[in-house]
Amino acid sequence: MAERHYRSLLKAISWRTVGTFDTMLISFIITGHLSWAISIGFIEVFTKMILYYLHERIWNKIRIGKTQEAEYQI
């Protein structure tokens, strides 16, 4: 079963939301500046979303760990 491109995009968006909050929290803890943490999170959300989408599409082409599902006919 292959994933459609929009599924990979939705997964990328949901994961980046979680990841960005984590990045902003860590940035705030390290810098102590909320504005820096927000700036870092803003830049990071776009770069990592693109990288994740590309990563998903590449892994979708790799057969490691995939099985062929039987097609049932009635």
Protein backbone atom coordinates (compact mmCIF):
# COMPACT_ATOMS: atom_id res chain seq x y z
CA MET A 1 0.00 0.00 0.00
CA ALA A 2 1.49 3.34 -1.04
CA GLU A 3 0.94 6.60 0.76
CA ARG A 4 -0.39 9.57 -1.13
CA HIS A 5 1.64 12.77 -1.15
CA TYR A 6 -0.94 14.71 0.87
CA ARG A 7 -0.70 12.12 3.68
CA SER A 8 3.04 12.71 3.91
CA LEU A 9 2.40 16.45 3.94
CA LEU A 10 -0.17 16.18 6.77
CA LYS A 11 2.21 14.01 8.79
CA ALA A 12 4.98 16.53 8.24
CA ILE A 13 2.79 19.40 9.48
CA SER A 14 1.61 17.58 12.59
CA TRP A 15 5.11 16.39 13.50
CA ARG A 16 6.61 19.83 12.92
CA THR A 17 4.05 21.40 15.23
CA VAL A 18 5.19 19.13 18.06
CA GLY A 19 8.86 19.52 17.10
CA THR A 20 8.68 23.30 16.91
CA PHE A 21 7.20 23.62 20.38
CA ASP A 22 10.03 21.42 21.62
CA THR A 23 12.64 23.54 19.82
CA MET A 24 11.19 26.76 21.23
CA LEU A 25 11.12 25.34 24.75
CA ILE A 26 14.75 24.19 24.53
CA SER A 27 15.77 27.52 22.94
CA PHE A 28 14.08 29.42 25.75
CA ILE A 29 15.71 27.27 28.43
CA ILE A 30 19.16 27.80 26.86
CA THR A 31 18.88 31.49 25.94
CA GLY A 32 16.39 32.77 28.50
CA HIS A 33 14.90 35.01 25.78
CA LEU A 34 11.37 34.30 24.56
CA SER A 35 11.86 36.39 21.40
CA TRP A 36 14.93 34.35 20.42
CA ALA A 37 13.10 31.11 21.09
CA ILE A 38 10.20 32.18 18.88
CA SER A 39 12.57 33.32 16.11
CA ILE A 40 14.45 30.03 16.18
CA GLY A 41 11.19 28.09 16.15
CA PHE A 42 9.83 30.14 13.24
CA ILE A 43 12.85 29.43 11.02
CA GLU A 44 13.12 25.82 12.11
CA VAL A 45 9.49 24.94 11.35
CA PHE A 46 9.89 25.56 7.63
CA THR A 47 13.32 24.00 7.12
CA LYS A 48 12.50 20.83 9.02
CA MET A 49 9.05 20.43 7.44
CA ILE A 50 10.64 20.40 3.99
CA LEU A 51 13.35 17.98 5.09
CA TYR A 52 10.79 15.66 6.73
CA TYR A 53 8.58 15.60 3.63
CA LEU A 54 11.54 14.70 1.42
CA HIS A 55 12.65 12.07 3.95
CA GLU A 56 9.16 10.49 3.94
CA ARG A 57 8.97 10.38 0.15
CA ILE A 58 12.40 8.74 -0.10
CA TRP A 59 11.50 6.13 2.54
CA ASN A 60 8.22 5.43 0.74
CA LYS A 61 10.28 4.18 -2.22
CA ILE A 62 12.49 1.90 -0.10
CA ARG A 63 11.15 -1.65 0.23
CA ILE A 64 12.86 -2.51 3.55
CA GLY A 65 10.20 -3.63 6.04
CA LYS A 66 7.30 -3.47 3.57
CA THR A 67 5.12 -6.40 2.66
CA GLN A 68 2.83 -6.89 -0.28
CA GLU A 69 -0.76 -7.02 0.89
CA ALA A 70 -2.96 -9.64 -0.72
CA GLU A 71 -5.70 -8.34 -2.97
CA TYR A 72 -9.00 -10.00 -2.16
CA GLN A 73 -11.49 -10.67 -4.88
CA ILE A 74 -15.04 -11.69 -4.27
